[in-house]
Protein backbone atom coordinates (compact mmCIF):
# COMPACT_ATOMS: atom_id res chain seq x y z
CA MET A 1 122.36 69.02 68.82
CA ILE A 2 124.93 71.77 68.25
CA LYS A 3 123.59 73.72 71.22
CA ALA A 4 123.74 70.65 73.46
CA PHE A 5 127.33 70.04 72.39
CA ARG A 6 128.24 73.64 73.21
CA VAL A 7 126.66 73.29 76.63
CA ARG A 8 128.59 70.08 77.39
CA ARG A 9 131.84 71.62 76.18
CA SER A 10 131.46 74.68 78.43
CA LEU A 11 130.34 72.63 81.43
CA ARG A 12 133.81 71.43 82.44
CA PRO A 13 135.36 74.90 82.97
CA ALA A 14 132.17 75.99 84.67
CA LEU A 15 132.40 73.12 87.16
CA ALA A 16 136.05 73.91 87.77
CA ALA A 17 135.24 77.55 88.55
CA ILE A 18 132.61 76.73 91.17
CA LYS A 19 133.70 76.32 94.77
CA HIS A 20 130.91 74.32 96.35
CA SER A 21 130.90 72.46 99.64
CA THR A 22 127.44 73.38 100.94
CA ARG A 23 125.35 70.44 102.14
CA SER A 24 121.98 70.58 103.86
CA TRP A 25 122.22 67.52 106.13
CA PRO A 26 124.65 69.02 108.70
CA THR A 27 122.38 72.05 108.98
CA ILE A 28 119.32 69.87 109.55
CA ILE A 29 121.08 67.67 112.14
CA LEU A 30 122.40 70.69 114.06
CA LEU A 31 119.03 72.44 114.18
CA ILE A 32 117.16 69.29 115.23
CA SER A 33 119.77 68.63 117.94
CA ALA A 34 119.52 72.23 119.14
CA ASP A 35 115.71 72.00 119.31
CA LEU A 36 115.76 68.69 121.20
CA LEU A 37 118.29 70.08 123.67
CA ALA A 38 116.16 73.20 124.17
CA LEU A 39 112.93 71.27 124.70
CA THR A 40 114.55 68.79 127.09
CA THR A 41 116.23 71.58 129.06
CA ALA A 42 112.96 73.50 129.29
CA VAL A 43 111.09 70.53 130.78
CA ALA A 44 113.93 69.52 133.11
CA THR A 45 114.38 73.08 134.39
CA SER A 46 110.65 73.50 134.99
CA VAL A 47 110.20 70.16 136.76
CA TRP A 48 113.26 70.33 139.00
CA GLY A 49 112.64 74.01 139.65
CA ARG A 50 109.18 73.14 140.94
CA VAL A 51 110.63 70.35 143.07
CA LEU A 52 113.23 72.70 144.60
CA LEU A 53 110.47 75.19 145.40
CA GLY A 54 108.68 72.55 147.47
CA GLY A 55 106.46 70.88 144.92
CA THR A 56 105.30 67.32 145.52
CA LEU A 57 105.24 66.26 141.87
CA LYS A 58 107.01 63.13 140.64
CA PRO A 59 109.56 63.76 137.86
CA ASP A 60 109.06 60.22 136.53
CA PHE A 61 105.63 61.20 135.23
CA TYR A 62 107.29 63.80 133.01
CA TRP A 63 110.17 61.67 131.73
CA ARG A 64 107.79 59.07 130.35
CA LEU A 65 106.53 61.71 127.92
CA TRP A 66 109.88 61.89 126.12
CA PRO A 67 108.62 60.13 122.93
CA LEU A 68 106.39 63.18 122.39
CA LEU A 69 109.53 65.14 121.45
CA ALA A 70 109.06 63.63 118.00
CA LEU A 71 105.76 65.53 117.78
CA PHE A 72 107.64 68.83 118.12
CA ILE A 73 110.16 67.85 115.45
CA LEU A 74 107.43 66.77 113.03
CA SER A 75 105.49 69.96 113.66
CA TYR A 76 108.57 72.15 113.15
CA SER A 77 109.42 70.23 110.00
CA SER A 78 105.94 70.78 108.56
CA LEU A 79 106.50 74.53 108.98
CA ARG A 80 109.80 74.36 107.03
CA LEU A 81 111.93 74.99 110.09
CA TYR A 82 114.33 72.28 108.86
CA PRO A 83 116.76 73.16 107.47
CA GLY A 84 115.30 76.61 108.14
CA VAL A 85 116.82 78.31 105.09
CA ALA A 86 115.28 81.29 103.29
CA ILE A 87 113.12 82.01 106.34
CA SER A 88 113.06 85.43 107.99
CA PRO A 89 113.62 85.74 111.78
CA VAL A 90 110.08 87.08 112.12
CA ASP A 91 108.58 84.04 110.36
CA GLU A 92 110.73 81.73 112.49
CA LEU A 93 109.57 83.46 115.68
CA ARG A 94 105.94 83.11 114.60
CA SER A 95 106.26 79.47 113.50
CA VAL A 96 108.13 78.32 116.61
CA SER A 97 105.77 80.17 118.96
CA LEU A 98 102.56 78.94 117.34
CA ALA A 99 103.72 75.33 116.85
CA THR A 100 105.07 75.03 120.40
CA THR A 101 101.94 76.58 121.90
CA LEU A 102 99.57 74.33 119.95
CA ILE A 103 101.49 71.20 120.94
CA TYR A 104 101.49 72.13 124.63
CA PHE A 105 97.77 72.89 124.47
CA PHE A 106 97.25 69.51 122.80
CA LEU A 107 99.26 67.75 125.52
CA GLY A 108 97.32 69.61 128.21
CA ALA A 109 94.02 68.53 126.65
CA ILE A 110 95.17 64.89 126.45
CA ILE A 111 96.27 64.88 130.10
CA PHE A 112 92.93 66.38 131.15
CA MET A 113 90.90 63.92 129.05
CA PHE A 114 92.64 60.92 130.60
CA GLY A 115 92.07 62.28 134.09
CA GLU A 116 95.75 62.60 134.98
CA GLY A 117 95.72 66.34 135.60
CA GLU A 118 96.34 65.92 139.33
CA LEU A 119 99.63 64.12 138.59
CA TYR A 120 101.15 67.08 136.77
CA SER A 121 101.98 70.53 138.08
CA ARG A 122 100.24 73.36 136.26
CA SER A 123 103.04 75.80 137.14
CA ALA A 124 105.70 73.38 135.84
CA PHE A 125 103.65 72.79 132.69
CA THR A 126 103.28 76.54 132.05
CA ALA A 127 106.95 77.19 132.76
CA ALA A 128 107.97 74.39 130.39
CA TRP A 129 105.79 75.87 127.64
CA LEU A 130 107.27 79.35 127.98
CA LEU A 131 110.84 78.09 128.37
CA SER A 132 110.45 75.82 125.35
CA MET A 133 109.60 78.75 123.08
CA ALA A 134 112.41 80.88 124.47
CA LEU A 135 115.13 78.20 124.48
CA VAL A 136 114.31 76.89 121.00
CA LEU A 137 114.69 80.40 119.57
CA ILE A 138 117.86 81.05 121.59
CA ASN A 139 119.46 77.74 120.58
CA ARG A 140 118.65 78.35 116.92
CA GLY A 141 120.19 81.79 117.15
CA LEU A 142 123.33 80.40 118.79
CA VAL A 143 123.70 77.64 116.20
CA ARG A 144 123.38 80.12 113.34
CA GLY A 145 125.77 82.51 115.04
CA LEU A 146 128.38 79.76 115.35
CA PHE A 147 128.02 77.99 112.01
CA ALA A 148 126.10 80.13 109.48
CA ARG A 149 129.30 81.48 107.94
CA SER A 150 130.73 77.99 107.44
CA ASP A 151 131.00 76.79 103.84
CA TRP A 152 128.88 73.71 104.53
CA TRP A 153 125.96 75.56 106.17
CA GLY A 154 122.62 75.75 104.37
CA TYR A 155 121.86 75.22 100.69
CA PRO A 156 123.86 76.15 97.59
CA VAL A 157 122.05 78.44 95.17
CA ILE A 158 122.57 79.44 91.54
CA VAL A 159 121.66 83.00 90.62
CA LEU A 160 120.19 83.44 87.14
CA GLY A 161 121.06 86.93 86.00
CA ALA A 162 124.27 88.95 86.50
CA GLY A 163 122.76 92.42 86.34
CA LYS A 164 122.03 94.90 89.11
CA THR A 165 119.39 92.67 90.64
CA GLY A 166 121.75 89.68 90.69
CA THR A 167 124.38 91.82 92.36
CA LEU A 168 121.85 92.95 94.98
CA VAL A 169 120.74 89.36 95.63
CA ILE A 170 124.30 88.06 96.10
CA ARG A 171 125.25 90.97 98.32
CA THR A 172 122.15 90.46 100.46
CA LEU A 173 122.78 86.72 100.88
CA GLN A 174 126.44 87.28 101.74
CA ARG A 175 125.55 89.91 104.34
CA ASN A 176 122.91 87.62 105.86
CA PRO A 177 124.45 84.13 106.07
CA ARG A 178 121.79 83.17 108.62
CA LEU A 179 119.34 82.88 105.72
CA GLY A 180 121.27 79.76 104.74
CA LEU A 181 121.39 80.36 100.98
CA LYS A 182 124.96 80.35 99.66
CA PRO A 183 125.42 81.64 96.08
CA VAL A 184 127.93 79.33 94.40
CA ALA A 185 127.51 80.36 90.76
CA VAL A 186 125.89 82.95 88.51
CA LEU A 187 124.59 82.33 84.98
CA ASP A 188 123.91 84.97 82.34
CA ASP A 189 123.54 84.85 78.56
CA ASN A 190 125.61 88.01 78.15
CA PRO A 191 129.31 87.00 77.76
CA GLN A 192 130.41 90.44 78.90
CA THR A 193 129.23 89.63 82.43
CA TRP A 194 131.22 86.40 82.71
CA GLY A 195 133.94 86.47 85.34
CA LYS A 196 133.26 87.47 88.95
CA LEU A 197 130.25 89.08 90.60
CA GLU A 198 130.68 89.99 94.28
CA GLY A 199 133.28 87.21 94.50
CA VAL A 200 130.99 84.58 92.92
CA SER A 201 131.90 83.08 89.54
CA VAL A 202 129.72 83.99 86.55
CA VAL A 203 130.42 80.74 84.71
CA GLY A 204 128.36 80.91 81.53
CA GLU A 205 124.94 81.07 79.93
CA LEU A 206 121.60 80.02 81.41
CA ALA A 207 121.57 76.77 79.43
CA LEU A 208 124.20 75.39 81.82
CA ALA A 209 121.71 75.42 84.72
CA PRO A 210 120.24 71.88 84.37
CA ASN A 211 123.62 70.18 84.11
CA LEU A 212 125.12 72.20 86.96
CA ALA A 213 122.11 71.49 89.16
CA ARG A 214 122.34 67.77 88.46
CA ARG A 215 126.14 67.45 88.76
CA LEU A 216 126.43 69.53 91.94
CA GLN A 217 123.02 68.64 93.43
CA ILE A 218 121.95 72.27 93.77
CA PRO A 219 118.28 72.52 94.78
CA TYR A 220 117.88 76.32 94.78
CA ALA A 221 117.94 78.90 92.01
CA ILE A 222 117.09 82.60 92.15
CA VAL A 223 115.76 84.27 89.00
CA ALA A 224 117.14 87.81 89.25
CA MET A 225 116.07 89.25 85.91
CA PRO A 226 113.13 91.59 86.59
CA GLY A 227 113.89 93.81 83.59
CA VAL A 228 113.67 91.14 80.88
CA PRO A 229 110.58 90.95 78.62
CA ARG A 230 107.61 89.06 79.99
CA ASP A 231 107.77 86.24 77.43
CA ARG A 232 111.46 85.67 78.09
CA LEU A 233 110.92 85.60 81.87
CA LEU A 234 108.04 83.13 81.56
CA ASN A 235 110.19 80.91 79.36
CA VAL A 236 113.00 80.92 81.94
CA ILE A 237 110.58 80.07 84.75
CA GLU A 238 108.93 77.27 82.79
CA GLN A 239 112.23 75.80 81.61
CA TYR A 240 114.18 75.89 84.85
CA GLY A 241 111.25 75.36 87.18
CA GLN A 242 111.55 71.70 86.19
CA THR A 243 115.24 71.68 87.11
CA PHE A 244 115.30 73.15 90.61
CA PRO A 245 113.00 72.00 93.43
CA HIS A 246 113.09 75.57 94.73
CA LEU A 247 112.94 78.46 92.26
CA LEU A 248 112.81 81.95 93.79
CA ILE A 249 111.74 84.81 91.52
CA ILE A 250 112.76 88.37 92.33
CA PRO A 251 109.94 90.60 90.98
CA ASP A 252 110.36 94.17 89.84
CA LEU A 253 108.78 95.42 93.08
CA PHE A 254 111.68 96.78 95.13
CA GLY A 255 110.60 98.36 98.41
CA PHE A 256 107.36 96.38 98.31
CA SER A 257 105.96 94.67 101.42
CA SER A 258 107.55 91.24 101.69
CA LEU A 259 106.53 89.63 104.99
CA TRP A 260 102.78 89.68 104.43
CA VAL A 261 102.40 88.79 100.76
CA GLU A 262 100.42 85.63 99.98
CA PRO A 263 99.95 84.09 96.53
CA LYS A 264 96.35 83.59 95.40
CA ASP A 265 95.10 81.41 92.58
CA LEU A 266 92.37 83.33 90.75
CA THR A 267 91.26 80.37 88.60
CA GLY A 268 94.56 80.16 86.79
CA VAL A 269 95.65 83.76 87.26
CA LEU A 270 98.41 84.41 89.81
CA GLY A 271 97.58 87.15 92.28
CA LEU A 272 99.59 88.53 95.19
CA GLU A 273 97.54 89.50 98.21
CA VAL A 274 99.19 92.15 100.37
CA ARG A 275 97.72 92.22 103.86
CA GLN A 276 97.78 95.80 105.09
CA GLN A 277 98.31 95.12 108.78
CA LEU A 278 98.15 98.85 109.53
CA LEU A 279 94.51 98.88 108.40
CA LEU A 280 93.39 95.81 110.37
CA PRO A 281 91.85 96.65 113.76
CA GLY A 282 92.73 93.29 115.34
CA PRO A 283 96.53 93.53 115.02
CA ARG A 284 96.48 97.23 115.97
CA LEU A 285 94.50 96.48 119.13
CA THR A 286 96.84 93.61 119.98
CA LYS A 287 99.84 95.90 119.56
CA TRP A 288 98.30 98.55 121.84
CA ILE A 289 97.38 96.04 124.58
CA LEU A 290 100.82 94.38 124.39
CA GLU A 291 102.69 97.69 124.62
CA LEU A 292 100.48 99.05 127.40
CA THR A 293 100.97 95.89 129.48
CA ILE A 294 104.74 95.83 128.96
CA SER A 295 105.06 99.57 129.64
CA LEU A 296 103.18 99.35 132.94
CA LEU A 297 105.19 96.35 134.12
CA VAL A 298 108.49 97.91 133.10
CA THR A 299 107.63 101.21 134.76
CA LEU A 300 106.98 99.53 138.10
CA ALA A 301 110.18 97.48 137.82
CA ILE A 302 112.55 100.33 136.91
CA LEU A 303 111.40 103.08 139.28
CA PRO A 304 114.37 102.49 141.66
CA LEU A 305 116.77 102.47 138.68
CA MET A 306 115.33 105.73 137.34
CA ALA A 307 115.66 107.36 140.76
CA THR A 308 119.33 106.31 140.92
CA ILE A 309 120.00 107.66 137.41
CA ALA A 310 118.36 110.97 138.32
CA LEU A 311 120.62 111.31 141.36
CA LEU A 312 123.76 110.56 139.32
CA ILE A 313 122.81 113.16 136.71
CA ARG A 314 122.37 115.86 139.38
CA LEU A 315 125.72 114.95 140.94
CA ASP A 316 127.52 114.91 137.57
CA SER A 317 126.56 118.34 136.21
CA ARG A 318 124.24 121.28 136.72
CA GLY A 319 120.89 121.35 134.97
CA PRO A 320 117.57 119.47 134.92
CA VAL A 321 117.34 115.69 135.16
CA PHE A 322 115.07 115.32 132.14
CA TYR A 323 115.38 116.74 128.67
CA GLY A 324 112.46 117.21 126.31
CA HIS A 325 112.85 117.66 122.58
CA ARG A 326 110.09 118.31 120.06
CA ARG A 327 109.68 115.46 117.56
CA ILE A 328 107.29 114.57 114.74
CA GLY A 329 104.76 111.87 115.52
CA ARG A 330 101.91 110.08 113.83
CA ARG A 331 100.01 112.07 111.19
CA GLY A 332 102.68 114.79 111.47
CA LYS A 333 101.58 115.85 114.96
CA SER A 334 104.50 117.11 117.06
CA PHE A 335 105.14 116.05 120.66
CA ILE A 336 107.83 116.35 123.34
CA ALA A 337 109.98 113.20 123.55
CA TRP A 338 111.52 112.85 127.02
CA LYS A 339 114.96 111.53 127.88
CA PHE A 340 117.36 111.67 130.77
CA ARG A 341 119.64 114.65 130.20
CA THR A 342 122.97 113.49 128.80
CA MET A 343 124.39 116.83 127.63
CA VAL A 344 126.06 119.80 129.27
CA PRO A 345 124.18 123.10 129.72
CA HIS A 346 124.14 125.32 126.63
CA ALA A 347 124.77 122.27 124.43
CA ASP A 348 123.82 124.09 121.22
CA ARG A 349 126.55 126.68 121.68
CA VAL A 350 129.10 123.97 122.50
CA LEU A 351 128.14 122.10 119.30
CA ASP A 352 128.28 125.21 117.10
CA HIS A 353 131.74 126.07 118.40
CA TYR A 354 132.96 122.50 117.91
CA LEU A 355 131.62 122.24 114.34
CA ALA A 356 133.11 125.60 113.41
CA GLU A 357 136.56 124.34 114.41
CA ASN A 358 136.13 120.84 112.89
CA PRO A 359 134.98 120.86 109.23
CA GLU A 360 135.06 117.05 109.01
CA ALA A 361 132.81 116.74 112.05
CA GLN A 362 130.49 119.33 110.49
CA ARG A 363 130.24 117.24 107.32
CA LEU A 364 129.39 114.11 109.31
CA TRP A 365 126.83 116.03 111.36
CA ILE A 366 125.06 117.25 108.22
CA GLN A 367 124.97 113.71 106.79
CA GLU A 368 124.21 111.60 109.87
CA ARG A 369 122.97 114.02 112.55
CA LYS A 370 125.25 112.04 114.89
CA LEU A 371 128.80 112.49 116.21
CA LYS A 372 130.84 109.62 117.58
CA ASN A 373 132.85 111.95 119.85
CA ASP A 374 130.15 114.47 120.70
CA PRO A 375 131.60 117.26 122.91
CA ARG A 376 128.20 117.95 124.45
CA ILE A 377 127.92 114.58 126.23
CA THR A 378 128.51 114.46 130.00
CA ARG A 379 130.35 111.63 131.74
CA ILE A 380 127.22 109.96 133.05
CA GLY A 381 125.51 110.83 129.76
CA ARG A 382 128.02 108.78 127.78
CA LEU A 383 127.26 105.75 129.96
CA LEU A 384 123.51 106.30 129.64
CA ARG A 385 123.71 106.53 125.85
CA ARG A 386 125.90 103.48 125.49
CA SER A 387 123.42 101.44 127.55
CA SER A 388 120.35 103.23 126.05
CA LEU A 389 119.16 103.97 129.59
CA ASP A 390 118.72 107.64 128.63
CA GLU A 391 115.56 106.66 126.74
CA LEU A 392 113.74 105.13 129.72
CA PRO A 393 111.59 108.26 130.34
CA GLN A 394 110.05 107.77 126.90
CA ILE A 395 107.87 105.11 128.50
CA TRP A 396 105.83 108.13 129.62
CA ASN A 397 105.38 109.02 125.95
CA VAL A 398 104.20 105.46 125.31
CA LEU A 399 101.63 105.65 128.09
CA LYS A 400 100.39 108.97 126.61
CA ARG A 401 100.06 107.29 123.17
CA GLU A 402 102.58 109.71 121.66
CA MET A 403 105.07 106.91 121.00
CA SER A 404 105.21 103.12 120.75
CA LEU A 405 107.69 100.71 122.25
CA VAL A 406 108.57 99.76 118.65
CA GLY A 407 108.41 102.02 115.63
CA PRO A 408 110.40 104.34 113.38
CA ARG A 409 113.01 106.55 115.02
CA PRO A 410 111.34 109.83 116.10
CA ILE A 411 112.69 112.62 113.89
CA VAL A 412 112.86 116.42 114.04
CA THR A 413 111.57 118.88 111.44
CA GLU A 414 115.03 119.32 109.89
CA GLU A 415 115.12 115.62 108.97
CA VAL A 416 111.87 115.54 106.99
CA SER A 417 113.60 116.36 103.71
CA ASN A 418 115.91 113.36 104.19
CA TYR A 419 112.89 111.03 104.21
CA ALA A 420 111.61 112.39 100.86
CA ASP A 421 108.77 110.17 99.56
CA LYS A 422 109.11 107.85 102.58
CA PHE A 423 107.90 110.54 105.00
CA ASP A 424 104.29 109.54 104.29
CA LEU A 425 105.12 106.03 105.51
CA TYR A 426 106.75 107.47 108.63
CA MET A 427 103.59 109.38 109.56
CA ARG A 428 101.37 106.29 109.41
CA VAL A 429 102.57 104.90 112.75
CA LEU A 430 103.70 106.15 116.12
CA PRO A 431 107.49 106.54 116.41
CA GLY A 432 109.15 104.05 118.73
CA ILE A 433 111.62 103.86 121.59
CA THR A 434 113.28 101.05 119.68
CA GLY A 435 113.03 99.95 116.07
CA LEU A 436 114.64 98.13 113.20
CA TRP A 437 117.53 100.56 112.81
CA GLN A 438 118.42 100.24 116.50
CA VAL A 439 118.71 96.45 116.21
CA SER A 440 120.39 96.53 112.79
CA GLY A 441 123.61 98.32 113.65
CA ARG A 442 122.29 101.49 115.30
CA ASN A 443 124.75 104.32 114.66
CA ASN A 444 127.04 102.07 112.58
CA ILE A 445 124.69 102.28 109.59
CA THR A 446 124.17 105.23 107.25
CA TYR A 447 121.27 107.67 107.48
CA GLU A 448 119.87 106.38 104.18
CA GLU A 449 119.85 102.84 105.57
CA ARG A 450 117.98 104.06 108.65
CA VAL A 451 115.31 105.63 106.47
CA ASN A 452 114.98 102.42 104.44
CA LEU A 453 114.67 100.35 107.62
CA ASP A 454 111.93 102.65 108.93
CA ALA A 455 110.08 102.29 105.61
CA TYR A 456 110.50 98.50 105.72
CA TYR A 457 109.04 98.42 109.23
CA VAL A 458 105.93 100.33 108.22
CA ARG A 459 105.36 98.24 105.08
CA ASN A 460 105.83 94.94 106.94
CA TRP A 461 104.44 95.89 110.32
CA SER A 462 102.96 93.17 112.53
CA VAL A 463 102.87 92.13 116.16
CA TRP A 464 105.39 89.38 115.35
CA LEU A 465 107.80 91.92 113.89
CA ASP A 466 107.42 94.00 117.04
CA LEU A 467 108.14 90.98 119.26
CA TYR A 468 111.23 90.15 117.20
CA ILE A 469 112.54 93.72 117.54
CA LEU A 470 111.85 93.82 121.30
CA ILE A 471 113.68 90.52 121.83
CA LYS A 472 116.64 91.59 119.71
CA THR A 473 116.77 95.00 121.44
CA ILE A 474 117.66 93.29 124.71
CA TRP A 475 120.61 91.55 123.06
CA VAL A 476 121.80 94.69 121.24
CA VAL A 477 121.63 96.82 124.40
CA MET A 478 123.55 94.22 126.40
CA ARG A 479 126.31 94.23 123.77
CA GLY A 480 126.32 98.01 123.41
CA GLU A 481 126.40 97.50 119.64
CA GLY A 482 126.70 100.73 117.66
CA ALA A 483 125.90 102.93 120.65
CA TYR A 484 127.57 106.30 121.24
C-alpha cells in the first residue's frame, strides 16, 4: 500500500516531465498510402508503356483487378510492415521483395488457371512486378526521409535502465529516426541517474512503468540492463512483460550477429540460433552468381565511359591511366587492386613534403589514412573520387575473384593493427568495391566506425544485405555524400 502510494505521488511530476506526441496511426496511414500509390503507379506505367510501344492489350482488363490491392496491404501487414517500426532496412527489403513476388506469382497462376492469359501482356505483367518492388521501397524511403524526424512519427518507447546500455540505446534511436522508435522517458531505480539522459527525461523508478504506459498509451519498452543479476532481470521481464505489448530486451552480447538470430523453444528453454551465412553454400553461391552477372553486364555498359575517363586522365597529367596498389584479401592473401589514376606522379614524395609542413594534417593522416584536401590529387582525379568513378577498374578484380562488389573496404598492411581482434573477421570474406562504410557516411565517419561497420557486415552477411548496400550505393554516389 505504501509503495503504491509512493508510485502515485511521483507519477504526476513524471507525466509533466515527459514530452510525448508520438502516435502510430499517422505513420500507418502514410505508409499504406505510399504503398498503394507505388503499386498503382507500377501497374499504370507498365500498361501504358506497353500500349505506347505498340501493344494491343486493353487497359480495362488491368483496372478491374484494383480490388486485389488489398491483398498486397494484407500481406505487407502480416509481415509487420505497418507501421514498419523497429525493422531494419535489410529486413524491409527482404519482406517487400518476397511478399510482392509471391503475390504476383499467385495472380499469374490465377490468370493462367482461368484461361485468360492471352488477355494480359507478359511483358507488362513482368514490368509491373519489378516496378512494384522498386517503387514500394522508394516510396517508403521518401516517406521516412520526409517525416521520420517528426514528433508524431512511429511509436513512443520507455527505456528501462539509465546506465551505459540505456545511453547507447537512446543515442542509437535518435541517430536512426527511420526505425520509428522515439524514446520519451527513461526509468531507473537509482535516484542518482534521475534528470536527463541524451536529452530524454529520467523520470523515476521502474515501478512507474505500468502507470506511465497506461496513461500515455505507450506500447514499447526497451530493457537496457544487461549487467543486472539474472534473477532481477527475469523479474523485470516477467513484471513488465504484462504491461507493454512490445518488450525489447538488450542482451549482454554487443557486437553479436543481429540480423540472422532466431529464437528457438527447446521444450521450455530459450535458445538463440545464429545462422552462419558465411558457412552456408547456398547463399555463397547465390552471391557469386549475382555478382558475376552484375559485373559482366556493368562491364559491357561502361566500356565507352571507361575509354573517355582514360583519355581525360592522359590529357590532364603525365603518367599511366591505371594505378595498382597491393591490398589484403580473403584469408590474408594479397592482391593488386586497380583504380583509375587520380594522383600526380611521385605522389609519395608530395605527401611526405606536405605532411612535414602540416603537423595537423599529419595527425589526421595517422588517424584516418585520409586527407580532405589531399595535395596529391589531380584535377580530373578529384572529380573521379567525388563520383567514385575511379573504382570502376576494380570490376576486373571482381571477375578474377580477388574482390566482391560488396564487402569490407580493402586495406593495406599498415592498417592491420587498427583492426585488432576484428582482422580475423575481415579475412573471412573478399573485400568489396562498395560496403557498409561507403553507404554510411563514407569519409565523414571515423576509422573506428569503419572497422565496426566492416565487422558488422561480416557477422550479418547475406544476399539481402548485399542488395541493400548496392541499392544504397547508387543513391550515395549520386549525392556525392562524404566523398573526397
